[in-house]
Amino acid sequence: MFCPNCHSDNVKVESVQENLGSTEFSRTNTKEKRHGFFWWIFIGWWWKIIDLFLWVLLFIPRVLLHIGRRKKYVSKTTTQTVNHIVYKTVCTCQNCGNTWTIDN
């Protein structure tokens, strides 16, 4: 290989990695918040019994409260980054310092 500038054959050829940038993708998973295992063991079983008696005794106020109540949601966002990398072949003349790329 010869240098196009000085026509010397003292040329160094190497492969160079070039980063063209990165792209981020994010995804959100949303689900209704629920009670855990220990809540059901220690509180949940007797809370459901009390809740049933309250429905029987105070039906109309409970209906009005449940109409206006919002559900609680938990969201989890995951982000993924993708890097765009290109490999190029770069030639450098050792005599004059001229550099050029070779198209593959």
PDB file of N, CA and C in Angstrom:
ATOM      1  N   MET A   1       0.858  -1.162   0.000  1.00  0.00           N
ATOM      2  CA  MET A   1       0.000   0.000   0.000  1.00  0.00           C
ATOM      3  C   MET A   1       0.910   1.234   0.000  1.00  0.00           C
ATOM      4  N   PHE A   2       0.499   2.243  -0.773  1.00  0.00           N
ATOM      5  CA  PHE A   2       1.298   3.449  -0.924  1.00  0.00           C
ATOM      6  C   PHE A   2       0.519   4.663  -0.443  1.00  0.00           C
ATOM      7  N   CYS A   3       1.233   5.630   0.102  1.00  0.00           N
ATOM      8  CA  CYS A   3       0.628   6.876   0.573  1.00  0.00           C
ATOM      9  C   CYS A   3       0.234   7.725  -0.630  1.00  0.00           C
ATOM     10  N   PRO A   4      -1.018   8.237  -0.672  1.00  0.00           N
ATOM     11  CA  PRO A   4      -1.408   9.073  -1.810  1.00  0.00           C
ATOM     12  C   PRO A   4      -0.744  10.451  -1.785  1.00  0.00           C
ATOM     13  N   ASN A   5      -0.163  10.834  -0.656  1.00  0.00           N
ATOM     14  CA  ASN A   5       0.438  12.163  -0.538  1.00  0.00           C
ATOM     15  C   ASN A   5       1.904  12.151  -0.969  1.00  0.00           C
ATOM     16  N   CYS A   6       2.703  11.248  -0.360  1.00  0.00           N
ATOM     17  CA  CYS A   6       4.148  11.233  -0.638  1.00  0.00           C
ATOM     18  C   CYS A   6       4.594   9.988  -1.400  1.00  0.00           C
ATOM     19  N   HIS A   7       3.705   9.065  -1.689  1.00  0.00           N
ATOM     20  CA  HIS A   7       3.954   7.827  -2.448  1.00  0.00           C
ATOM     21  C   HIS A   7       4.971   6.906  -1.771  1.00  0.00           C
ATOM     22  N   SER A   8       5.027   6.961  -0.441  1.00  0.00           N
ATOM     23  CA  SER A   8       5.900   6.082   0.318  1.00  0.00           C
ATOM     24  C   SER A   8       5.162   4.778   0.605  1.00  0.00           C
ATOM     25  N   ASP A   9       5.922   3.682   0.776  1.00  0.00           N
ATOM     26  CA  ASP A   9       5.301   2.401   1.108  1.00  0.00           C
ATOM     27  C   ASP A   9       5.392   2.091   2.602  1.00  0.00           C
ATOM     28  N   ASN A  10       5.841   3.057   3.414  1.00  0.00           N
ATOM     29  CA  ASN A  10       5.934   2.904   4.865  1.00  0.00           C
ATOM     30  C   ASN A  10       4.594   3.329   5.483  1.00  0.00           C
ATOM     31  N   VAL A  11       3.576   2.451   5.377  1.00  0.00           N
ATOM     32  CA  VAL A  11       2.208   2.767   5.795  1.00  0.00           C
ATOM     33  C   VAL A  11       1.786   1.774   6.867  1.00  0.00           C
ATOM     34  N   LYS A  12       1.175   2.308   7.911  1.00  0.00           N
ATOM     35  CA  LYS A  12       0.652   1.485   8.993  1.00  0.00           C
ATOM     36  C   LYS A  12      -0.875   1.399   8.817  1.00  0.00           C
ATOM     37  N   VAL A  13      -1.425   0.176   8.830  1.00  0.00           N
ATOM     38  CA  VAL A  13      -2.864  -0.055   8.656  1.00  0.00           C
ATOM     39  C   VAL A  13      -3.412  -0.618   9.966  1.00  0.00           C
ATOM     40  N   GLU A  14      -4.502   0.016  10.466  1.00  0.00           N
ATOM     41  CA  GLU A  14      -5.106  -0.481  11.706  1.00  0.00           C
ATOM     42  C   GLU A  14      -6.620  -0.312  11.654  1.00  0.00           C
ATOM     43  N   SER A  15      -7.303  -1.138  12.444  1.00  0.00           N
ATOM     44  CA  SER A  15      -8.761  -1.092  12.543  1.00  0.00           C
ATOM     45  C   SER A  15      -9.131  -0.244  13.754  1.00  0.00           C
ATOM     46  N   VAL A  16     -10.064   0.713  13.558  1.00  0.00           N
ATOM     47  CA  VAL A  16     -10.440   1.658  14.602  1.00  0.00           C
ATOM     48  C   VAL A  16     -11.931   1.523  14.861  1.00  0.00           C
ATOM     49  N   GLN A  17     -12.284   1.550  16.126  1.00  0.00           N
ATOM     50  CA  GLN A  17     -13.690   1.469  16.536  1.00  0.00           C
ATOM     51  C   GLN A  17     -14.223   2.887  16.717  1.00  0.00           C
ATOM     52  N   GLU A  18     -15.376   3.176  16.090  1.00  0.00           N
ATOM     53  CA  GLU A  18     -15.976   4.506  16.195  1.00  0.00           C
ATOM     54  C   GLU A  18     -17.383   4.375  16.758  1.00  0.00           C
ATOM     55  N   ASN A  19     -17.672   5.146  17.797  1.00  0.00           N
ATOM     56  CA  ASN A  19     -18.983   5.123  18.431  1.00  0.00           C
ATOM     57  C   ASN A  19     -19.850   6.210  17.783  1.00  0.00           C
ATOM     58  N   LEU A  20     -20.962   5.814  17.167  1.00  0.00           N
ATOM     59  CA  LEU A  20     -21.849   6.765  16.515  1.00  0.00           C
ATOM     60  C   LEU A  20     -22.903   7.329  17.453  1.00  0.00           C
ATOM     61  N   GLY A  21     -22.901   6.905  18.701  1.00  0.00           N
ATOM     62  CA  GLY A  21     -23.881   7.391  19.666  1.00  0.00           C
ATOM     63  C   GLY A  21     -24.660   6.226  20.252  1.00  0.00           C
ATOM     64  N   SER A  22     -25.513   6.540  21.181  1.00  0.00           N
ATOM     65  CA  SER A  22     -26.303   5.499  21.823  1.00  0.00           C
ATOM     66  C   SER A  22     -27.770   5.891  21.811  1.00  0.00           C
ATOM     67  N   THR A  23     -28.624   4.879  21.875  1.00  0.00           N
ATOM     68  CA  THR A  23     -30.066   5.079  21.890  1.00  0.00           C
ATOM     69  C   THR A  23     -30.618   4.429  23.143  1.00  0.00           C
ATOM     70  N   GLU A  24     -31.514   5.137  23.833  1.00  0.00           N
ATOM     71  CA  GLU A  24     -32.124   4.597  25.048  1.00  0.00           C
ATOM     72  C   GLU A  24     -33.572   4.235  24.790  1.00  0.00           C
ATOM     73  N   PHE A  25     -33.953   3.058  25.256  1.00  0.00           N
ATOM     74  CA  PHE A  25     -35.327   2.602  25.190  1.00  0.00           C
ATOM     75  C   PHE A  25     -35.808   2.400  26.619  1.00  0.00           C
ATOM     76  N   SER A  26     -36.976   2.930  26.935  1.00  0.00           N
ATOM     77  CA  SER A  26     -37.514   2.718  28.280  1.00  0.00           C
ATOM     78  C   SER A  26     -38.912   2.125  28.172  1.00  0.00           C
ATOM     79  N   ARG A  27     -39.200   1.223  29.102  1.00  0.00           N
ATOM     80  CA  ARG A  27     -40.482   0.539  29.130  1.00  0.00           C
ATOM     81  C   ARG A  27     -41.008   0.577  30.554  1.00  0.00           C
ATOM     82  N   THR A  28     -42.293   0.889  30.706  1.00  0.00           N
ATOM     83  CA  THR A  28     -42.901   0.991  32.027  1.00  0.00           C
ATOM     84  C   THR A  28     -43.951  -0.092  32.184  1.00  0.00           C
ATOM     85  N   ASN A  29     -43.816  -0.875  33.250  1.00  0.00           N
ATOM     86  CA  ASN A  29     -44.822  -1.875  33.600  1.00  0.00           C
ATOM     87  C   ASN A  29     -45.620  -1.340  34.780  1.00  0.00           C
ATOM     88  N   THR A  30     -46.947  -1.310  34.651  1.00  0.00           N
ATOM     89  CA  THR A  30     -47.801  -0.809  35.712  1.00  0.00           C
ATOM     90  C   THR A  30     -48.743  -1.916  36.146  1.00  0.00           C
ATOM     91  N   LYS A  31     -48.859  -2.093  37.459  1.00  0.00           N
ATOM     92  CA  LYS A  31     -49.797  -3.083  37.973  1.00  0.00           C
ATOM     93  C   LYS A  31     -50.415  -2.547  39.254  1.00  0.00           C
ATOM     94  N   GLU A  32     -51.550  -3.124  39.616  1.00  0.00           N
ATOM     95  CA  GLU A  32     -52.252  -2.699  40.814  1.00  0.00           C
ATOM     96  C   GLU A  32     -51.482  -3.152  42.047  1.00  0.00           C
ATOM     97  N   LYS A  33     -51.388  -2.253  43.034  1.00  0.00           N
ATOM     98  CA  LYS A  33     -50.662  -2.588  44.249  1.00  0.00           C
ATOM     99  C   LYS A  33     -51.485  -3.550  45.091  1.00  0.00           C
ATOM    100  N   ARG A  34     -50.850  -4.594  45.561  1.00  0.00           N
ATOM    101  CA  ARG A  34     -51.509  -5.609  46.382  1.00  0.00           C
ATOM    102  C   ARG A  34     -50.777  -5.743  47.702  1.00  0.00           C
ATOM    103  N   HIS A  35     -51.429  -6.379  48.665  1.00  0.00           N
ATOM    104  CA  HIS A  35     -50.810  -6.621  49.952  1.00  0.00           C
ATOM    105  C   HIS A  35     -49.931  -7.862  49.878  1.00  0.00           C
ATOM    106  N   GLY A  36     -48.918  -7.884  50.740  1.00  0.00           N
ATOM    107  CA  GLY A  36     -47.966  -8.976  50.742  1.00  0.00           C
ATOM    108  C   GLY A  36     -48.400 -10.149  51.598  1.00  0.00           C
ATOM    109  N   PHE A  37     -47.528 -11.137  51.660  1.00  0.00           N
ATOM    110  CA  PHE A  37     -47.785 -12.380  52.368  1.00  0.00           C
ATOM    111  C   PHE A  37     -47.992 -12.149  53.860  1.00  0.00           C
ATOM    112  N   PHE A  38     -47.125 -11.387  54.512  1.00  0.00           N
ATOM    113  CA  PHE A  38     -47.222 -11.186  55.956  1.00  0.00           C
ATOM    114  C   PHE A  38     -48.444 -10.356  56.340  1.00  0.00           C
ATOM    115  N   TRP A  39     -48.864  -9.442  55.475  1.00  0.00           N
ATOM    116  CA  TRP A  39     -50.076  -8.672  55.746  1.00  0.00           C
ATOM    117  C   TRP A  39     -51.278  -9.615  55.827  1.00  0.00           C
ATOM    118  N   TRP A  40     -51.347 -10.578  54.904  1.00  0.00           N
ATOM    119  CA  TRP A  40     -52.464 -11.522  54.909  1.00  0.00           C
ATOM    120  C   TRP A  40     -52.415 -12.441  56.122  1.00  0.00           C
ATOM    121  N   ILE A  41     -51.234 -12.819  56.571  1.00  0.00           N
ATOM    122  CA  ILE A  41     -51.135 -13.709  57.732  1.00  0.00           C
ATOM    123  C   ILE A  41     -51.534 -12.987  59.025  1.00  0.00           C
ATOM    124  N   PHE A  42     -51.015 -11.783  59.232  1.00  0.00           N
ATOM    125  CA  PHE A  42     -51.217 -11.097  60.509  1.00  0.00           C
ATOM    126  C   PHE A  42     -52.448 -10.185  60.540  1.00  0.00           C
ATOM    127  N   ILE A  43     -52.837  -9.571  59.429  1.00  0.00           N
ATOM    128  CA  ILE A  43     -53.909  -8.587  59.426  1.00  0.00           C
ATOM    129  C   ILE A  43     -55.061  -8.975  58.504  1.00  0.00           C
ATOM    130  N   GLY A  44     -54.749  -9.469  57.347  1.00  0.00           N
ATOM    131  CA  GLY A  44     -55.740  -9.640  56.292  1.00  0.00           C
ATOM    132  C   GLY A  44     -56.900 -10.555  56.620  1.00  0.00           C
ATOM    133  N   TRP A  45     -56.654 -11.651  57.313  1.00  0.00           N
ATOM    134  CA  TRP A  45     -57.732 -12.621  57.563  1.00  0.00           C
ATOM    135  C   TRP A  45     -58.795 -12.037  58.471  1.00  0.00           C
ATOM    136  N   TRP A  46     -58.405 -11.281  59.517  1.00  0.00           N
ATOM    137  CA  TRP A  46     -59.441 -10.705  60.379  1.00  0.00           C
ATOM    138  C   TRP A  46     -59.983  -9.414  59.805  1.00  0.00           C
ATOM    139  N   TRP A  47     -59.192  -8.701  58.957  1.00  0.00           N
ATOM    140  CA  TRP A  47     -59.695  -7.484  58.327  1.00  0.00           C
ATOM    141  C   TRP A  47     -60.834  -7.814  57.361  1.00  0.00           C
ATOM    142  N   LYS A  48     -60.753  -8.921  56.659  1.00  0.00           N
ATOM    143  CA  LYS A  48     -61.831  -9.317  55.746  1.00  0.00           C
ATOM    144  C   LYS A  48     -63.120  -9.638  56.506  1.00  0.00           C
ATOM    145  N   ILE A  49     -63.013 -10.216  57.702  1.00  0.00           N
ATOM    146  CA  ILE A  49     -64.201 -10.499  58.520  1.00  0.00           C
ATOM    147  C   ILE A  49     -64.840  -9.191  58.984  1.00  0.00           C
ATOM    148  N   ILE A  50     -64.027  -8.253  59.467  1.00  0.00           N
ATOM    149  CA  ILE A  50     -64.554  -6.946  59.883  1.00  0.00           C
ATOM    150  C   ILE A  50     -65.156  -6.205  58.695  1.00  0.00           C
ATOM    151  N   ASP A  51     -64.511  -6.296  57.566  1.00  0.00           N
ATOM    152  CA  ASP A  51     -65.002  -5.635  56.358  1.00  0.00           C
ATOM    153  C   ASP A  51     -66.366  -6.199  55.949  1.00  0.00           C
ATOM    154  N   LEU A  52     -66.561  -7.490  56.061  1.00  0.00           N
ATOM    155  CA  LEU A  52     -67.844  -8.102  55.743  1.00  0.00           C
ATOM    156  C   LEU A  52     -68.946  -7.595  56.672  1.00  0.00           C
ATOM    157  N   PHE A  53     -68.667  -7.503  57.987  1.00  0.00           N
ATOM    158  CA  PHE A  53     -69.660  -6.975  58.935  1.00  0.00           C
ATOM    159  C   PHE A  53     -69.969  -5.504  58.661  1.00  0.00           C
ATOM    160  N   LEU A  54     -68.966  -4.729  58.280  1.00  0.00           N
ATOM    161  CA  LEU A  54     -69.214  -3.321  57.958  1.00  0.00           C
ATOM    162  C   LEU A  54     -70.083  -3.182  56.711  1.00  0.00           C
ATOM    163  N   TRP A  55     -69.904  -4.077  55.723  1.00  0.00           N
ATOM    164  CA  TRP A  55     -70.758  -4.057  54.538  1.00  0.00           C
ATOM    165  C   TRP A  55     -72.212  -4.333  54.919  1.00  0.00           C
ATOM    166  N   VAL A  56     -72.411  -5.261  55.827  1.00  0.00           N
ATOM    167  CA  VAL A  56     -73.778  -5.609  56.235  1.00  0.00           C
ATOM    168  C   VAL A  56     -74.408  -4.464  57.021  1.00  0.00           C
ATOM    169  N   LEU A  57     -73.672  -3.874  57.971  1.00  0.00           N
ATOM    170  CA  LEU A  57     -74.234  -2.838  58.835  1.00  0.00           C
ATOM    171  C   LEU A  57     -74.326  -1.468  58.154  1.00  0.00           C
ATOM    172  N   LEU A  58     -73.321  -1.093  57.436  1.00  0.00           N
ATOM    173  CA  LEU A  58     -73.254   0.254  56.853  1.00  0.00           C
ATOM    174  C   LEU A  58     -73.179   0.177  55.333  1.00  0.00           C
ATOM    175  N   PHE A  59     -74.168  -0.410  54.691  1.00  0.00           N
ATOM    176  CA  PHE A  59     -74.122  -0.674  53.262  1.00  0.00           C
ATOM    177  C   PHE A  59     -74.037   0.604  52.439  1.00  0.00           C
ATOM    178  N   ILE A  60     -74.921   1.544  52.630  1.00  0.00           N
ATOM    179  CA  ILE A  60     -74.989   2.742  51.781  1.00  0.00           C
ATOM    180  C   ILE A  60     -73.748   3.629  51.949  1.00  0.00           C
ATOM    181  N   PRO A  61     -73.284   3.933  53.177  1.00  0.00           N
ATOM    182  CA  PRO A  61     -72.047   4.732  53.261  1.00  0.00           C
ATOM    183  C   PRO A  61     -70.840   4.034  52.633  1.00  0.00           C
ATOM    184  N   ARG A  62     -70.774   2.714  52.750  1.00  0.00           N
ATOM    185  CA  ARG A  62     -69.656   1.980  52.148  1.00  0.00           C
ATOM    186  C   ARG A  62     -69.695   2.040  50.629  1.00  0.00           C
ATOM    187  N   VAL A  63     -70.904   1.967  50.056  1.00  0.00           N
ATOM    188  CA  VAL A  63     -71.037   2.063  48.601  1.00  0.00           C
ATOM    189  C   VAL A  63     -70.569   3.434  48.131  1.00  0.00           C
ATOM    190  N   LEU A  64     -70.938   4.481  48.830  1.00  0.00           N
ATOM    191  CA  LEU A  64     -70.521   5.829  48.459  1.00  0.00           C
ATOM    192  C   LEU A  64     -69.011   6.020  48.583  1.00  0.00           C
ATOM    193  N   LEU A  65     -68.397   5.394  49.595  1.00  0.00           N
ATOM    194  CA  LEU A  65     -66.948   5.479  49.734  1.00  0.00           C
ATOM    195  C   LEU A  65     -66.209   4.725  48.631  1.00  0.00           C
ATOM    196  N   HIS A  66     -66.722   3.567  48.232  1.00  0.00           N
ATOM    197  CA  HIS A  66     -66.061   2.773  47.201  1.00  0.00           C
ATOM    198  C   HIS A  66     -66.203   3.372  45.813  1.00  0.00           C
ATOM    199  N   ILE A  67     -67.223   4.172  45.588  1.00  0.00           N
ATOM    200  CA  ILE A  67     -67.383   4.808  44.280  1.00  0.00           C
ATOM    201  C   ILE A  67     -66.263   5.825  44.047  1.00  0.00           C
ATOM    202  N   GLY A  68     -65.932   6.597  45.075  1.00  0.00           N
ATOM    203  CA  GLY A  68     -64.933   7.645  44.922  1.00  0.00           C
ATOM    204  C   GLY A  68     -63.502   7.214  45.154  1.00  0.00           C
ATOM    205  N   ARG A  69     -63.255   5.971  45.539  1.00  0.00           N
ATOM    206  CA  ARG A  69     -61.911   5.519  45.865  1.00  0.00           C
ATOM    207  C   ARG A  69     -61.136   5.171  44.589  1.00  0.00           C
ATOM    208  N   ARG A  70     -59.879   5.588  44.565  1.00  0.00           N
ATOM    209  CA  ARG A  70     -59.003   5.241  43.454  1.00  0.00           C
ATOM    210  C   ARG A  70     -58.157   4.028  43.820  1.00  0.00           C
ATOM    211  N   LYS A  71     -57.774   3.278  42.816  1.00  0.00           N
ATOM    212  CA  LYS A  71     -56.876   2.149  43.052  1.00  0.00           C
ATOM    213  C   LYS A  71     -55.435   2.654  43.090  1.00  0.00           C
ATOM    214  N   LYS A  72     -54.606   1.971  43.853  1.00  0.00           N
ATOM    215  CA  LYS A  72     -53.197   2.320  43.942  1.00  0.00           C
ATOM    216  C   LYS A  72     -52.429   1.468  42.944  1.00  0.00           C
ATOM    217  N   TYR A  73     -51.525   2.114  42.231  1.00  0.00           N
ATOM    218  CA  TYR A  73     -50.748   1.422  41.219  1.00  0.00           C
ATOM    219  C   TYR A  73     -49.263   1.553  41.513  1.00  0.00           C
ATOM    220  N   VAL A  74     -48.518   0.536  41.110  1.00  0.00           N
ATOM    221  CA  VAL A  74     -47.072   0.522  41.239  1.00  0.00           C
ATOM    222  C   VAL A  74     -46.508   0.417  39.837  1.00  0.00           C
ATOM    223  N   SER A  75     -45.557   1.282  39.506  1.00  0.00           N
ATOM    224  CA  SER A  75     -44.959   1.222  38.175  1.00  0.00           C
ATOM    225  C   SER A  75     -43.462   0.964  38.297  1.00  0.00           C
ATOM    226  N   LYS A  76     -42.962   0.209  37.352  1.00  0.00           N
ATOM    227  CA  LYS A  76     -41.545  -0.123  37.310  1.00  0.00           C
ATOM    228  C   LYS A  76     -41.044   0.197  35.913  1.00  0.00           C
ATOM    229  N   THR A  77     -40.023   1.039  35.833  1.00  0.00           N
ATOM    230  CA  THR A  77     -39.481   1.450  34.545  1.00  0.00           C
ATOM    231  C   THR A  77     -38.127   0.782  34.333  1.00  0.00           C
ATOM    232  N   THR A  78     -37.976   0.156  33.169  1.00  0.00           N
ATOM    233  CA  THR A  78     -36.695  -0.438  32.807  1.00  0.00           C
ATOM    234  C   THR A  78     -36.147   0.306  31.601  1.00  0.00           C
ATOM    235  N   THR A  79     -34.856   0.606  31.648  1.00  0.00           N
ATOM    236  CA  THR A  79     -34.209   1.351  30.574  1.00  0.00           C
ATOM    237  C   THR A  79     -33.116   0.484  29.965  1.00  0.00           C
ATOM    238  N   GLN A  80     -33.087   0.473  28.637  1.00  0.00           N
ATOM    239  CA  GLN A  80     -32.082  -0.297  27.921  1.00  0.00           C
ATOM    240  C   GLN A  80     -31.335   0.651  26.983  1.00  0.00           C
ATOM    241  N   THR A  81     -30.012   0.592  27.006  1.00  0.00           N
ATOM    242  CA  THR A  81     -29.184   1.449  26.169  1.00  0.00           C
ATOM    243  C   THR A  81     -28.514   0.601  25.095  1.00  0.00           C
ATOM    244  N   VAL A  82     -28.607   1.064  23.843  1.00  0.00           N
ATOM    245  CA  VAL A  82     -27.988   0.365  22.719  1.00  0.00           C
ATOM    246  C   VAL A  82     -26.940   1.290  22.112  1.00  0.00           C
ATOM    247  N   ASN A  83     -25.686   0.825  22.033  1.00  0.00           N
ATOM    248  CA  ASN A  83     -24.602   1.599  21.439  1.00  0.00           C
ATOM    249  C   ASN A  83     -24.456   1.223  19.974  1.00  0.00           C
ATOM    250  N   HIS A  84     -24.277   2.230  19.121  1.00  0.00           N
ATOM    251  CA  HIS A  84     -24.068   2.003  17.689  1.00  0.00           C
ATOM    252  C   HIS A  84     -22.573   2.169  17.410  1.00  0.00           C
ATOM    253  N   ILE A  85     -21.914   1.068  17.068  1.00  0.00           N
ATOM    254  CA  ILE A  85     -20.465   1.063  16.884  1.00  0.00           C
ATOM    255  C   ILE A  85     -20.155   0.636  15.453  1.00  0.00           C
ATOM    256  N   VAL A  86     -19.212   1.364  14.817  1.00  0.00           N
ATOM    257  CA  VAL A  86     -18.768   1.069  13.457  1.00  0.00           C
ATOM    258  C   VAL A  86     -17.253   0.868  13.497  1.00  0.00           C
ATOM    259  N   TYR A  87     -16.768  -0.119  12.764  1.00  0.00           N
ATOM    260  CA  TYR A  87     -15.332  -0.365  12.664  1.00  0.00           C
ATOM    261  C   TYR A  87     -14.839   0.151  11.321  1.00  0.00           C
ATOM    262  N   LYS A  88     -13.740   0.914  11.347  1.00  0.00           N
ATOM    263  CA  LYS A  88     -13.161   1.478  10.125  1.00  0.00           C
ATOM    264  C   LYS A  88     -11.705   1.060  10.033  1.00  0.00           C
ATOM    265  N   THR A  89     -11.208   1.001   8.807  1.00  0.00           N
ATOM    266  CA  THR A  89      -9.800   0.725   8.563  1.00  0.00           C
ATOM    267  C   THR A  89      -9.116   2.046   8.240  1.00  0.00           C
ATOM    268  N   VAL A  90      -8.127   2.411   9.065  1.00  0.00           N
ATOM    269  CA  VAL A  90      -7.434   3.689   8.914  1.00  0.00           C
ATOM    270  C   VAL A  90      -5.978   3.413   8.572  1.00  0.00           C
ATOM    271  N   CYS A  91      -5.482   4.110   7.566  1.00  0.00           N
ATOM    272  CA  CYS A  91      -4.087   3.986   7.162  1.00  0.00           C
ATOM    273  C   CYS A  91      -3.345   5.263   7.556  1.00  0.00           C
ATOM    274  N   THR A  92      -2.113   5.117   8.056  1.00  0.00           N
ATOM    275  CA  THR A  92      -1.293   6.248   8.458  1.00  0.00           C
ATOM    276  C   THR A  92       0.083   6.096   7.822  1.00  0.00           C
ATOM    277  N   CYS A  93       0.511   7.124   7.132  1.00  0.00           N
ATOM    278  CA  CYS A  93       1.845   7.121   6.535  1.00  0.00           C
ATOM    279  C   CYS A  93       2.843   7.460   7.630  1.00  0.00           C
ATOM    280  N   GLN A  94       3.903   6.647   7.759  1.00  0.00           N
ATOM    281  CA  GLN A  94       4.893   6.855   8.803  1.00  0.00           C
ATOM    282  C   GLN A  94       5.907   7.940   8.427  1.00  0.00           C
ATOM    283  N   ASN A  95       5.960   8.309   7.147  1.00  0.00           N
ATOM    284  CA  ASN A  95       6.926   9.346   6.711  1.00  0.00           C
ATOM    285  C   ASN A  95       6.317  10.738   6.835  1.00  0.00           C
ATOM    286  N   CYS A  96       5.103  10.954   6.255  1.00  0.00           N
ATOM    287  CA  CYS A  96       4.550  12.321   6.223  1.00  0.00           C
ATOM    288  C   CYS A  96       3.410  12.521   7.226  1.00  0.00           C
ATOM    289  N   GLY A  97       2.866  11.475   7.798  1.00  0.00           N
ATOM    290  CA  GLY A  97       1.806  11.599   8.806  1.00  0.00           C
ATOM    291  C   GLY A  97       0.405  11.713   8.214  1.00  0.00           C
ATOM    292  N   ASN A  98       0.261  11.503   6.917  1.00  0.00           N
ATOM    293  CA  ASN A  98      -1.056  11.573   6.263  1.00  0.00           C
ATOM    294  C   ASN A  98      -1.901  10.386   6.683  1.00  0.00           C
ATOM    295  N   THR A  99      -3.178  10.647   6.981  1.00  0.00           N
ATOM    296  CA  THR A  99      -4.105   9.555   7.338  1.00  0.00           C
ATOM    297  C   THR A  99      -5.263   9.544   6.361  1.00  0.00           C
ATOM    298  N   TRP A 100      -5.782   8.331   6.071  1.00  0.00           N
ATOM    299  CA  TRP A 100      -6.958   8.157   5.228  1.00  0.00           C
ATOM    300  C   TRP A 100      -7.649   6.854   5.591  1.00  0.00           C
ATOM    301  N   THR A 101      -8.922   6.774   5.225  1.00  0.00           N
ATOM    302  CA  THR A 101      -9.692   5.570   5.535  1.00  0.00           C
ATOM    303  C   THR A 101      -9.905   4.772   4.265  1.00  0.00           C
ATOM    304  N   ILE A 102     -10.010   3.457   4.464  1.00  0.00           N
ATOM    305  CA  ILE A 102     -10.277   2.563   3.346  1.00  0.00           C
ATOM    306  C   ILE A 102     -11.729   2.139   3.459  1.00  0.00           C
ATOM    307  N   ASP A 103     -12.495   2.333   2.397  1.00  0.00           N
ATOM    308  CA  ASP A 103     -13.896   1.908   2.388  1.00  0.00           C
ATOM    309  C   ASP A 103     -13.974   0.418   2.169  1.00  0.00           C
ATOM    310  N   ASN A 104     -14.741  -0.245   3.047  1.00  0.00           N
ATOM    311  CA  ASN A 104     -14.878  -1.713   2.948  1.00  0.00           C
ATOM    312  C   ASN A 104     -15.999  -2.067   2.023  1.00  0.00           C
TER     313      ASN A 104
END
